[in-house]
Amino acid sequence: MPTTHSTRMLILGSGPAGLSAAIYGARAGMKPIVVQGIQPGGQLMTTTDVENYPGFRDVIQGPWLMEEMQAQAEHVGARMMWDTIVSLDLSQRPFRMIGDGGDVYEGEVLVLATGAQAKWLGLSSEDALKGKGVSACATCDGFFYRGKKVVVIGGGNTAVEEALYMTNHSDDVTLIHRRDTLRAERILQDRLHANPKITVLWNKRIDKFVGEGDPVGLTALDLVDTVTGEATRFDTDGAFVAIGHHPATEILKGHVALDGDGYVTVDTGSTRTSVPGVFACGDVMDKIYRQAVTAAGTGCMAALDAERFLAEAEFEREMAEAI
């Protein structure tokens, strides 16, 4: 039979943002319930080497980091629920969410930490080589390609920014775009074309990511000219797919304010959303940085904002009762 789970603090999502919010919320006595969602642990569960998370001198594994975060959250009192939310009601407090099995989750405050996903090309060869030369985050993985030949795939701001970033590590960066013009802002295009380390291949689409060796790793790309249809092979050590991200906010539409790209909007300098008592943290509200450490930081902010909200609400109720 469906069960109702009630708490002071509900958290939707279990990546670095959600689990950081859970740690701070539990320590504040809010007894958080974390509904883990369709991808427990978030994007770090599909990341291998992590070298830029503070506190670890050696390379760590993404799944291990998330397991440790979850264990820490549980140790201080957070409860983990393996469920996928199919509907929610934010029209009044306590807020209500319903899982796909019928369980009901109620909370006086709600933290949205559903994250975002990088967009991929959708090739089977791409999927086979993720983490083996194919990445969607130059800031995360670029360090591992120092002095190597790399490509960035895309034509928007994300792609140009990733290509420029990679020149910090490589003198041989190629931007591959399926059209003959870029969609990026003019100032970014000017910086790109002025950088001698970057070459642009126009009118090329990726037909296949080629992997060889033992262990297998990316060695080349099979390209097709979008104008002539000519097929070519392009040797490379690493490929960064930079065609954008999409936030996991489909279920939130009509409940909280979203921006034109689908990200949850928050008040500047806080995690407060358009609904009092609902807070957002991590990649679901951050389209700029998208790092594990920034997600964890905003998770901390969300818990502190939620704690302050509950304290103010309780004070107002006590004052009203005293009159």
C-alpha atoms as a PDB file:
ATOM      1  CA  MET A   1       0.000   0.000   0.000  1.00  0.00           C
ATOM      2  CA  PRO A   2       1.215   3.563  -0.721  1.00  0.00           C
ATOM      3  CA  THR A   3       2.817   5.266   2.263  1.00  0.00           C
ATOM      4  CA  THR A   4       2.946   8.930   3.260  1.00  0.00           C
ATOM      5  CA  HIS A   5       6.365  10.211   4.310  1.00  0.00           C
ATOM      6  CA  SER A   6       6.376  13.527   6.157  1.00  0.00           C
ATOM      7  CA  THR A   7       9.297  15.712   7.144  1.00  0.00           C
ATOM      8  CA  ARG A   8      10.289  19.322   7.629  1.00  0.00           C
ATOM      9  CA  MET A   9      12.594  19.260   4.606  1.00  0.00           C
ATOM     10  CA  LEU A  10      12.120  17.453   1.299  1.00  0.00           C
ATOM     11  CA  ILE A  11      14.943  17.254  -1.214  1.00  0.00           C
ATOM     12  CA  LEU A  12      14.368  16.193  -4.812  1.00  0.00           C
ATOM     13  CA  GLY A  13      17.621  14.975  -6.359  1.00  0.00           C
ATOM     14  CA  SER A  14      20.717  13.271  -4.985  1.00  0.00           C
ATOM     15  CA  GLY A  15      23.741  14.733  -6.737  1.00  0.00           C
ATOM     16  CA  PRO A  16      26.312  16.937  -4.979  1.00  0.00           C
ATOM     17  CA  ALA A  17      23.719  19.706  -4.519  1.00  0.00           C
ATOM     18  CA  GLY A  18      20.986  17.532  -3.050  1.00  0.00           C
ATOM     19  CA  LEU A  19      23.290  15.591  -0.758  1.00  0.00           C
ATOM     20  CA  SER A  20      25.039  18.742   0.485  1.00  0.00           C
ATOM     21  CA  ALA A  21      21.634  20.216   1.270  1.00  0.00           C
ATOM     22  CA  ALA A  22      20.787  16.986   3.101  1.00  0.00           C
ATOM     23  CA  ILE A  23      23.957  17.146   5.207  1.00  0.00           C
ATOM     24  CA  TYR A  24      23.330  20.729   6.280  1.00  0.00           C
ATOM     25  CA  GLY A  25      19.602  20.142   6.707  1.00  0.00           C
ATOM     26  CA  ALA A  26      20.138  17.113   8.909  1.00  0.00           C
ATOM     27  CA  ARG A  27      22.642  18.940  11.079  1.00  0.00           C
ATOM     28  CA  ALA A  28      20.056  21.707  11.515  1.00  0.00           C
ATOM     29  CA  GLY A  29      17.481  19.204  12.774  1.00  0.00           C
ATOM     30  CA  MET A  30      15.203  19.349   9.730  1.00  0.00           C
ATOM     31  CA  LYS A  31      15.286  15.549   9.270  1.00  0.00           C
ATOM     32  CA  PRO A  32      15.509  15.724   5.474  1.00  0.00           C
ATOM     33  CA  ILE A  33      14.126  13.104   3.143  1.00  0.00           C
ATOM     34  CA  VAL A  34      16.037  12.817  -0.121  1.00  0.00           C
ATOM     35  CA  VAL A  35      14.051  11.426  -3.042  1.00  0.00           C
ATOM     36  CA  GLN A  36      16.851  10.254  -5.272  1.00  0.00           C
ATOM     37  CA  GLY A  37      15.154  10.356  -8.636  1.00  0.00           C
ATOM     38  CA  ILE A  38      15.910   8.565 -11.880  1.00  0.00           C
ATOM     39  CA  GLN A  39      19.705   8.934 -11.577  1.00  0.00           C
ATOM     40  CA  PRO A  40      20.826   8.537  -7.946  1.00  0.00           C
ATOM     41  CA  GLY A  41      24.098  10.362  -7.414  1.00  0.00           C
ATOM     42  CA  GLY A  42      23.681  12.627 -10.430  1.00  0.00           C
ATOM     43  CA  GLN A  43      26.143  13.123 -13.264  1.00  0.00           C
ATOM     44  CA  LEU A  44      29.169  12.188 -11.158  1.00  0.00           C
ATOM     45  CA  MET A  45      27.978   8.580 -11.239  1.00  0.00           C
ATOM     46  CA  THR A  46      29.021   8.507 -14.905  1.00  0.00           C
ATOM     47  CA  THR A  47      32.314  10.341 -14.312  1.00  0.00           C
ATOM     48  CA  THR A  48      35.510   8.404 -13.783  1.00  0.00           C
ATOM     49  CA  ASP A  49      38.532  10.475 -12.740  1.00  0.00           C
ATOM     50  CA  VAL A  50      37.803  13.556 -10.621  1.00  0.00           C
ATOM     51  CA  GLU A  51      40.812  15.749  -9.918  1.00  0.00           C
ATOM     52  CA  ASN A  52      39.286  19.143  -9.142  1.00  0.00           C
ATOM     53  CA  TYR A  53      37.119  18.453  -6.089  1.00  0.00           C
ATOM     54  CA  PRO A  54      38.742  20.113  -3.050  1.00  0.00           C
ATOM     55  CA  GLY A  55      40.147  17.964  -0.289  1.00  0.00           C
ATOM     56  CA  PHE A  56      41.703  15.106  -2.250  1.00  0.00           C
ATOM     57  CA  ARG A  57      45.319  15.263  -3.348  1.00  0.00           C
ATOM     58  CA  ASP A  58      44.969  12.218  -5.585  1.00  0.00           C
ATOM     59  CA  VAL A  59      42.517  11.504  -8.387  1.00  0.00           C
ATOM     60  CA  ILE A  60      39.223  10.095  -7.073  1.00  0.00           C
ATOM     61  CA  GLN A  61      36.342   8.362  -8.800  1.00  0.00           C
ATOM     62  CA  GLY A  62      33.013  10.133  -9.283  1.00  0.00           C
ATOM     63  CA  PRO A  63      30.844   7.231  -8.054  1.00  0.00           C
ATOM     64  CA  TRP A  64      33.028   6.832  -4.960  1.00  0.00           C
ATOM     65  CA  LEU A  65      32.655  10.532  -4.129  1.00  0.00           C
ATOM     66  CA  MET A  66      28.879  10.310  -4.361  1.00  0.00           C
ATOM     67  CA  GLU A  67      28.786   7.160  -2.236  1.00  0.00           C
ATOM     68  CA  GLU A  68      30.778   8.982   0.440  1.00  0.00           C
ATOM     69  CA  MET A  69      28.478  12.026   0.273  1.00  0.00           C
ATOM     70  CA  GLN A  70      25.420   9.819   0.643  1.00  0.00           C
ATOM     71  CA  ALA A  71      26.970   7.927   3.561  1.00  0.00           C
ATOM     72  CA  GLN A  72      27.780  11.218   5.266  1.00  0.00           C
ATOM     73  CA  ALA A  73      24.232  12.505   4.756  1.00  0.00           C
ATOM     74  CA  GLU A  74      22.767   9.297   6.188  1.00  0.00           C
ATOM     75  CA  HIS A  75      25.231   9.371   9.085  1.00  0.00           C
ATOM     76  CA  VAL A  76      23.957  12.764  10.237  1.00  0.00           C
ATOM     77  CA  GLY A  77      20.302  11.770   9.884  1.00  0.00           C
ATOM     78  CA  ALA A  78      19.080  12.190   6.305  1.00  0.00           C
ATOM     79  CA  ARG A  79      16.780   9.502   4.870  1.00  0.00           C
ATOM     80  CA  MET A  80      17.230   8.245   1.312  1.00  0.00           C
ATOM     81  CA  MET A  81      14.204   7.208  -0.706  1.00  0.00           C
ATOM     82  CA  TRP A  82      14.648   5.356  -4.001  1.00  0.00           C
ATOM     83  CA  ASP A  83      11.704   6.734  -5.927  1.00  0.00           C
ATOM     84  CA  THR A  84      10.866   8.751  -9.011  1.00  0.00           C
ATOM     85  CA  ILE A  85       8.469  11.655  -8.622  1.00  0.00           C
ATOM     86  CA  VAL A  86       5.647  11.803 -11.167  1.00  0.00           C
ATOM     87  CA  SER A  87       3.642  14.768  -9.845  1.00  0.00           C
ATOM     88  CA  LEU A  88       3.829  17.492  -7.245  1.00  0.00           C
ATOM     89  CA  ASP A  89       1.683  20.153  -5.605  1.00  0.00           C
ATOM     90  CA  LEU A  90       3.402  23.374  -4.557  1.00  0.00           C
ATOM     91  CA  SER A  91       0.212  25.389  -4.131  1.00  0.00           C
ATOM     92  CA  GLN A  92       0.285  25.140  -0.334  1.00  0.00           C
ATOM     93  CA  ARG A  93       2.426  23.928   2.543  1.00  0.00           C
ATOM     94  CA  PRO A  94       3.219  21.250   3.326  1.00  0.00           C
ATOM     95  CA  PHE A  95       4.345  20.659  -0.243  1.00  0.00           C
ATOM     96  CA  ARG A  96       3.419  17.286  -1.696  1.00  0.00           C
ATOM     97  CA  MET A  97       5.141  15.002  -4.173  1.00  0.00           C
ATOM     98  CA  ILE A  98       3.880  11.646  -5.437  1.00  0.00           C
ATOM     99  CA  GLY A  99       6.196   8.837  -6.521  1.00  0.00           C
ATOM    100  CA  ASP A 100       5.575   6.448  -9.386  1.00  0.00           C
ATOM    101  CA  GLY A 101       4.554   3.753  -6.905  1.00  0.00           C
ATOM    102  CA  GLY A 102       1.978   5.994  -5.242  1.00  0.00           C
ATOM    103  CA  ASP A 103       3.955   6.977  -2.147  1.00  0.00           C
ATOM    104  CA  VAL A 104       3.353  10.535  -0.962  1.00  0.00           C
ATOM    105  CA  TYR A 105       6.126  12.827   0.290  1.00  0.00           C
ATOM    106  CA  GLU A 106       5.249  15.911   2.350  1.00  0.00           C
ATOM    107  CA  GLY A 107       7.595  18.651   3.490  1.00  0.00           C
ATOM    108  CA  GLU A 108       7.375  22.096   5.054  1.00  0.00           C
ATOM    109  CA  VAL A 109      10.147  23.174   2.683  1.00  0.00           C
ATOM    110  CA  LEU A 110      11.316  21.708  -0.602  1.00  0.00           C
ATOM    111  CA  VAL A 111      14.776  21.791  -2.164  1.00  0.00           C
ATOM    112  CA  LEU A 112      14.941  21.210  -5.917  1.00  0.00           C
ATOM    113  CA  ALA A 113      18.234  19.601  -6.937  1.00  0.00           C
ATOM    114  CA  THR A 114      17.232  17.700 -10.071  1.00  0.00           C
ATOM    115  CA  GLY A 115      20.318  18.763 -12.009  1.00  0.00           C
ATOM    116  CA  ALA A 116      20.931  19.015 -15.730  1.00  0.00           C
ATOM    117  CA  GLN A 117      22.263  16.706 -18.402  1.00  0.00           C
ATOM    118  CA  ALA A 118      24.747  17.390 -21.149  1.00  0.00           C
ATOM    119  CA  LYS A 119      23.332  16.974 -24.624  1.00  0.00           C
ATOM    120  CA  TRP A 120      24.982  14.230 -26.642  1.00  0.00           C
ATOM    121  CA  LEU A 121      25.026  13.386 -30.330  1.00  0.00           C
ATOM    122  CA  GLY A 122      23.285  10.078 -29.691  1.00  0.00           C
ATOM    123  CA  LEU A 123      25.773   7.794 -31.466  1.00  0.00           C
ATOM    124  CA  SER A 124      26.386   4.291 -30.144  1.00  0.00           C
ATOM    125  CA  SER A 125      30.134   4.809 -30.637  1.00  0.00           C
ATOM    126  CA  GLU A 126      29.913   7.971 -28.558  1.00  0.00           C
ATOM    127  CA  ASP A 127      28.249   6.098 -25.718  1.00  0.00           C
ATOM    128  CA  ALA A 128      30.854   3.320 -25.863  1.00  0.00           C
ATOM    129  CA  LEU A 129      33.740   5.793 -25.499  1.00  0.00           C
ATOM    130  CA  LYS A 130      32.362   8.124 -22.826  1.00  0.00           C
ATOM    131  CA  GLY A 131      35.111   8.503 -20.260  1.00  0.00           C
ATOM    132  CA  LYS A 132      37.556   6.879 -22.660  1.00  0.00           C
ATOM    133  CA  GLY A 133      38.428   9.934 -24.699  1.00  0.00           C
ATOM    134  CA  VAL A 134      34.928  11.345 -25.147  1.00  0.00           C
ATOM    135  CA  SER A 135      33.672  13.920 -22.651  1.00  0.00           C
ATOM    136  CA  ALA A 136      31.059  16.647 -22.356  1.00  0.00           C
ATOM    137  CA  CYS A 137      33.016  18.898 -19.983  1.00  0.00           C
ATOM    138  CA  ALA A 138      36.365  20.442 -20.863  1.00  0.00           C
ATOM    139  CA  THR A 139      36.569  22.194 -17.505  1.00  0.00           C
ATOM    140  CA  CYS A 140      36.195  18.828 -15.781  1.00  0.00           C
ATOM    141  CA  ASP A 141      38.421  16.661 -17.979  1.00  0.00           C
ATOM    142  CA  GLY A 142      40.631  18.981 -20.013  1.00  0.00           C
ATOM    143  CA  PHE A 143      43.549  18.623 -17.617  1.00  0.00           C
ATOM    144  CA  PHE A 144      43.957  14.992 -18.670  1.00  0.00           C
ATOM    145  CA  TYR A 145      44.721  16.064 -22.252  1.00  0.00           C
ATOM    146  CA  ARG A 146      47.731  18.273 -21.604  1.00  0.00           C
ATOM    147  CA  GLY A 147      49.885  18.458 -24.705  1.00  0.00           C
ATOM    148  CA  LYS A 148      47.524  16.258 -26.719  1.00  0.00           C
ATOM    149  CA  LYS A 149      45.478  16.785 -29.857  1.00  0.00           C
ATOM    150  CA  VAL A 150      41.828  17.454 -29.059  1.00  0.00           C
ATOM    151  CA  VAL A 151      38.588  18.410 -30.785  1.00  0.00           C
ATOM    152  CA  VAL A 152      35.535  20.293 -29.582  1.00  0.00           C
ATOM    153  CA  ILE A 153      32.205  19.565 -31.289  1.00  0.00           C
ATOM    154  CA  GLY A 154      29.571  22.284 -31.602  1.00  0.00           C
ATOM    155  CA  GLY A 155      28.981  25.830 -32.765  1.00  0.00           C
ATOM    156  CA  GLY A 156      27.396  27.765 -29.905  1.00  0.00           C
ATOM    157  CA  ASN A 157      28.753  29.624 -26.896  1.00  0.00           C
ATOM    158  CA  THR A 158      29.449  26.396 -25.027  1.00  0.00           C
ATOM    159  CA  ALA A 159      31.588  24.973 -27.833  1.00  0.00           C
ATOM    160  CA  VAL A 160      33.606  28.151 -28.362  1.00  0.00           C
ATOM    161  CA  GLU A 161      34.180  28.583 -24.637  1.00  0.00           C
ATOM    162  CA  GLU A 162      35.309  24.957 -24.335  1.00  0.00           C
ATOM    163  CA  ALA A 163      37.682  25.333 -27.296  1.00  0.00           C
ATOM    164  CA  LEU A 164      39.205  28.480 -25.804  1.00  0.00           C
ATOM    165  CA  TYR A 165      39.545  26.783 -22.430  1.00  0.00           C
ATOM    166  CA  MET A 166      41.318  23.795 -23.960  1.00  0.00           C
ATOM    167  CA  THR A 167      44.090  26.042 -25.291  1.00  0.00           C
ATOM    168  CA  ASN A 168      45.273  26.186 -21.678  1.00  0.00           C
ATOM    169  CA  HIS A 169      46.214  22.533 -22.031  1.00  0.00           C
ATOM    170  CA  SER A 170      46.733  21.902 -25.742  1.00  0.00           C
ATOM    171  CA  ASP A 171      48.406  23.681 -28.644  1.00  0.00           C
ATOM    172  CA  ASP A 172      46.308  21.684 -31.138  1.00  0.00           C
ATOM    173  CA  VAL A 173      42.582  22.314 -30.691  1.00  0.00           C
ATOM    174  CA  THR A 174      40.099  21.783 -33.527  1.00  0.00           C
ATOM    175  CA  LEU A 175      36.510  23.015 -33.409  1.00  0.00           C
ATOM    176  CA  ILE A 176      34.195  20.884 -35.571  1.00  0.00           C
ATOM    177  CA  HIS A 177      30.872  22.377 -36.638  1.00  0.00           C
ATOM    178  CA  ARG A 178      28.227  20.972 -38.940  1.00  0.00           C
ATOM    179  CA  ARG A 179      27.468  24.370 -40.499  1.00  0.00           C
ATOM    180  CA  ASP A 180      29.559  27.144 -42.089  1.00  0.00           C
ATOM    181  CA  THR A 181      28.819  29.774 -39.431  1.00  0.00           C
ATOM    182  CA  LEU A 182      28.891  29.757 -35.635  1.00  0.00           C
ATOM    183  CA  ARG A 183      25.966  30.569 -33.365  1.00  0.00           C
ATOM    184  CA  ALA A 184      28.224  31.870 -30.604  1.00  0.00           C
ATOM    185  CA  GLU A 185      28.314  35.509 -29.549  1.00  0.00           C
ATOM    186  CA  ARG A 186      30.453  37.718 -31.766  1.00  0.00           C
ATOM    187  CA  ILE A 187      33.002  38.514 -29.059  1.00  0.00           C
ATOM    188  CA  LEU A 188      33.578  34.793 -28.479  1.00  0.00           C
ATOM    189  CA  GLN A 189      33.935  34.192 -32.218  1.00  0.00           C
ATOM    190  CA  ASP A 190      36.516  36.964 -32.442  1.00  0.00           C
ATOM    191  CA  ARG A 191      38.544  35.423 -29.619  1.00  0.00           C
ATOM    192  CA  LEU A 192      38.297  32.006 -31.237  1.00  0.00           C
ATOM    193  CA  HIS A 193      39.523  33.145 -34.657  1.00  0.00           C
ATOM    194  CA  ALA A 194      42.314  35.186 -33.082  1.00  0.00           C
ATOM    195  CA  ASN A 195      43.710  32.193 -31.200  1.00  0.00           C
ATOM    196  CA  PRO A 196      46.503  30.492 -33.189  1.00  0.00           C
ATOM    197  CA  LYS A 197      46.026  27.222 -31.298  1.00  0.00           C
ATOM    198  CA  ILE A 198      42.506  26.691 -32.682  1.00  0.00           C
ATOM    199  CA  THR A 199      41.517  25.423 -36.141  1.00  0.00           C
ATOM    200  CA  VAL A 200      37.901  25.252 -37.327  1.00  0.00           C
ATOM    201  CA  LEU A 201      36.510  22.483 -39.528  1.00  0.00           C
ATOM    202  CA  TRP A 202      33.321  23.700 -41.181  1.00  0.00           C
ATOM    203  CA  ASN A 203      30.402  21.665 -42.540  1.00  0.00           C
ATOM    204  CA  LYS A 204      31.403  18.427 -40.843  1.00  0.00           C
ATOM    205  CA  ARG A 205      29.215  16.042 -38.858  1.00  0.00           C
ATOM    206  CA  ILE A 206      30.423  13.188 -36.695  1.00  0.00           C
ATOM    207  CA  ASP A 207      29.611   9.802 -38.168  1.00  0.00           C
ATOM    208  CA  LYS A 208      31.549   7.685 -35.675  1.00  0.00           C
ATOM    209  CA  PHE A 209      33.902   7.913 -32.715  1.00  0.00           C
ATOM    210  CA  VAL A 210      36.737   5.464 -33.380  1.00  0.00           C
ATOM    211  CA  GLY A 211      38.316   3.621 -30.460  1.00  0.00           C
ATOM    212  CA  GLU A 212      41.355   1.363 -30.467  1.00  0.00           C
ATOM    213  CA  GLY A 213      43.926  -0.101 -28.095  1.00  0.00           C
ATOM    214  CA  ASP A 214      43.870  -2.116 -24.897  1.00  0.00           C
ATOM    215  CA  PRO A 215      42.319  -0.619 -22.884  1.00  0.00           C
ATOM    216  CA  VAL A 216      40.257   0.934 -25.638  1.00  0.00           C
ATOM    217  CA  GLY A 217      40.442   4.701 -26.073  1.00  0.00           C
ATOM    218  CA  LEU A 218      39.446   7.306 -28.624  1.00  0.00           C
ATOM    219  CA  THR A 219      41.891   7.559 -31.529  1.00  0.00           C
ATOM    220  CA  ALA A 220      39.941   9.239 -34.340  1.00  0.00           C
ATOM    221  CA  LEU A 221      36.647  10.594 -35.645  1.00  0.00           C
ATOM    222  CA  ASP A 222      34.934   9.557 -38.847  1.00  0.00           C
ATOM    223  CA  LEU A 223      33.549  12.730 -40.404  1.00  0.00           C
ATOM    224  CA  VAL A 224      31.085  13.381 -43.207  1.00  0.00           C
ATOM    225  CA  ASP A 225      31.014  16.662 -45.109  1.00  0.00           C
ATOM    226  CA  THR A 226      27.475  18.059 -44.843  1.00  0.00           C
ATOM    227  CA  VAL A 227      27.781  19.725 -48.277  1.00  0.00           C
ATOM    228  CA  THR A 228      29.649  17.212 -50.450  1.00  0.00           C
ATOM    229  CA  GLY A 229      29.036  13.991 -48.509  1.00  0.00           C
ATOM    230  CA  GLU A 230      32.771  13.227 -48.527  1.00  0.00           C
ATOM    231  CA  ALA A 231      33.901  10.907 -45.719  1.00  0.00           C
ATOM    232  CA  THR A 232      37.204  11.524 -43.925  1.00  0.00           C
ATOM    233  CA  ARG A 233      38.967  10.281 -40.801  1.00  0.00           C
ATOM    234  CA  PHE A 234      40.390  12.780 -38.319  1.00  0.00           C
ATOM    235  CA  ASP A 235      42.932  11.562 -35.753  1.00  0.00           C
ATOM    236  CA  THR A 236      42.556  12.910 -32.215  1.00  0.00           C
ATOM    237  CA  ASP A 237      43.325  12.037 -28.611  1.00  0.00           C
ATOM    238  CA  GLY A 238      40.195  13.510 -27.084  1.00  0.00           C
ATOM    239  CA  ALA A 239      36.777  14.831 -28.091  1.00  0.00           C
ATOM    240  CA  PHE A 240      34.545  17.201 -26.154  1.00  0.00           C
ATOM    241  CA  VAL A 241      30.884  17.252 -27.151  1.00  0.00           C
ATOM    242  CA  ALA A 242      29.728  20.813 -26.472  1.00  0.00           C
ATOM    243  CA  ILE A 243      26.232  21.182 -27.859  1.00  0.00           C
ATOM    244  CA  GLY A 244      24.608  22.437 -24.667  1.00  0.00           C
ATOM    245  CA  HIS A 245      22.758  21.157 -21.611  1.00  0.00           C
ATOM    246  CA  HIS A 246      19.127  20.631 -20.709  1.00  0.00           C
ATOM    247  CA  PRO A 247      17.931  21.043 -17.107  1.00  0.00           C
ATOM    248  CA  ALA A 248      15.763  18.357 -15.539  1.00  0.00           C
ATOM    249  CA  THR A 249      12.778  20.633 -15.032  1.00  0.00           C
ATOM    250  CA  GLU A 250      10.037  18.985 -17.080  1.00  0.00           C
ATOM    251  CA  ILE A 251       8.073  18.063 -13.964  1.00  0.00           C
ATOM    252  CA  LEU A 252       8.504  21.585 -12.559  1.00  0.00           C
ATOM    253  CA  LYS A 253       6.848  23.443 -15.431  1.00  0.00           C
ATOM    254  CA  GLY A 254       3.856  25.407 -14.197  1.00  0.00           C
ATOM    255  CA  HIS A 255       4.935  25.072 -10.570  1.00  0.00           C
ATOM    256  CA  VAL A 256       7.981  27.366 -10.275  1.00  0.00           C
ATOM    257  CA  ALA A 257       9.304  30.089 -12.553  1.00  0.00           C
ATOM    258  CA  LEU A 258      11.749  28.921 -15.222  1.00  0.00           C
ATOM    259  CA  ASP A 259      13.898  31.021 -17.545  1.00  0.00           C
ATOM    260  CA  GLY A 260      13.894  30.837 -21.338  1.00  0.00           C
ATOM    261  CA  ASP A 261      16.281  27.890 -21.294  1.00  0.00           C
ATOM    262  CA  GLY A 262      14.226  25.911 -18.770  1.00  0.00           C
ATOM    263  CA  TYR A 263      16.404  26.535 -15.700  1.00  0.00           C
ATOM    264  CA  VAL A 264      14.781  27.367 -12.358  1.00  0.00           C
ATOM    265  CA  THR A 265      15.068  31.080 -11.634  1.00  0.00           C
ATOM    266  CA  VAL A 266      16.232  32.127  -8.164  1.00  0.00           C
ATOM    267  CA  ASP A 267      16.628  35.451  -6.404  1.00  0.00           C
ATOM    268  CA  THR A 268      20.102  36.890  -6.927  1.00  0.00           C
ATOM    269  CA  GLY A 269      22.514  35.726  -4.245  1.00  0.00           C
ATOM    270  CA  SER A 270      20.151  33.097  -2.867  1.00  0.00           C
ATOM    271  CA  THR A 271      18.420  29.827  -3.743  1.00  0.00           C
ATOM    272  CA  ARG A 272      14.872  31.178  -3.283  1.00  0.00           C
ATOM    273  CA  THR A 273      12.512  30.359  -6.139  1.00  0.00           C
ATOM    274  CA  SER A 274       9.239  32.017  -7.117  1.00  0.00           C
ATOM    275  CA  VAL A 275       7.419  29.855  -4.540  1.00  0.00           C
ATOM    276  CA  PRO A 276       8.087  30.767  -0.874  1.00  0.00           C
ATOM    277  CA  GLY A 277       9.534  27.739   0.881  1.00  0.00           C
ATOM    278  CA  VAL A 278      10.854  26.158  -2.321  1.00  0.00           C
ATOM    279  CA  PHE A 279      14.575  26.441  -3.025  1.00  0.00           C
ATOM    280  CA  ALA A 280      16.730  25.365  -5.971  1.00  0.00           C
ATOM    281  CA  CYS A 281      20.392  24.432  -6.072  1.00  0.00           C
ATOM    282  CA  GLY A 282      22.960  22.857  -8.358  1.00  0.00           C
ATOM    283  CA  ASP A 283      22.810  22.575 -12.116  1.00  0.00           C
ATOM    284  CA  VAL A 284      19.034  22.938 -12.228  1.00  0.00           C
ATOM    285  CA  MET A 285      19.547  26.667 -11.520  1.00  0.00           C
ATOM    286  CA  ASP A 286      23.155  27.129 -12.678  1.00  0.00           C
ATOM    287  CA  LYS A 287      23.764  27.320 -16.427  1.00  0.00           C
ATOM    288  CA  ILE A 288      27.189  28.933 -16.122  1.00  0.00           C
ATOM    289  CA  TYR A 289      29.520  26.952 -13.859  1.00  0.00           C
ATOM    290  CA  ARG A 290      28.055  23.438 -13.693  1.00  0.00           C
ATOM    291  CA  GLN A 291      30.745  22.006 -11.415  1.00  0.00           C
ATOM    292  CA  ALA A 292      30.399  19.521  -8.583  1.00  0.00           C
ATOM    293  CA  VAL A 293      31.904  21.954  -6.095  1.00  0.00           C
ATOM    294  CA  THR A 294      29.578  24.812  -7.098  1.00  0.00           C
ATOM    295  CA  ALA A 295      26.604  22.449  -6.916  1.00  0.00           C
ATOM    296  CA  ALA A 296      27.652  21.413  -3.414  1.00  0.00           C
ATOM    297  CA  GLY A 297      28.034  25.067  -2.442  1.00  0.00           C
ATOM    298  CA  THR A 298      24.541  25.996  -3.584  1.00  0.00           C
ATOM    299  CA  GLY A 299      23.226  22.894  -1.813  1.00  0.00           C
ATOM    300  CA  CYS A 300      24.636  24.319   1.408  1.00  0.00           C
ATOM    301  CA  MET A 301      23.010  27.663   0.579  1.00  0.00           C
ATOM    302  CA  ALA A 302      19.637  26.005  -0.035  1.00  0.00           C
ATOM    303  CA  ALA A 303      19.697  24.276   3.347  1.00  0.00           C
ATOM    304  CA  LEU A 304      20.607  27.508   5.129  1.00  0.00           C
ATOM    305  CA  ASP A 305      17.911  29.412   3.240  1.00  0.00           C
ATOM    306  CA  ALA A 306      15.388  26.695   4.125  1.00  0.00           C
ATOM    307  CA  GLU A 307      16.385  26.735   7.795  1.00  0.00           C
ATOM    308  CA  ARG A 308      15.987  30.519   7.899  1.00  0.00           C
ATOM    309  CA  PHE A 309      12.599  30.300   6.178  1.00  0.00           C
ATOM    310  CA  LEU A 310      11.277  27.791   8.730  1.00  0.00           C
ATOM    311  CA  ALA A 311      12.592  29.817  11.660  1.00  0.00           C
ATOM    312  CA  GLU A 312      10.898  32.967  10.374  1.00  0.00           C
ATOM    313  CA  ALA A 313       7.643  31.108   9.704  1.00  0.00           C
ATOM    314  CA  GLU A 314       7.666  29.628  13.206  1.00  0.00           C
ATOM    315  CA  PHE A 315       8.350  33.032  14.766  1.00  0.00           C
ATOM    316  CA  GLU A 316       5.476  34.599  12.833  1.00  0.00           C
ATOM    317  CA  ARG A 317       3.140  31.813  13.916  1.00  0.00           C
ATOM    318  CA  GLU A 318       4.122  32.228  17.564  1.00  0.00           C
ATOM    319  CA  MET A 319       3.572  35.972  17.343  1.00  0.00           C
ATOM    320  CA  ALA A 320       0.150  35.440  15.766  1.00  0.00           C
ATOM    321  CA  GLU A 321      -0.853  32.985  18.503  1.00  0.00           C
ATOM    322  CA  ALA A 322       0.280  35.399  21.195  1.00  0.00           C
ATOM    323  CA  ILE A 323      -2.034  38.158  20.000  1.00  0.00           C
END
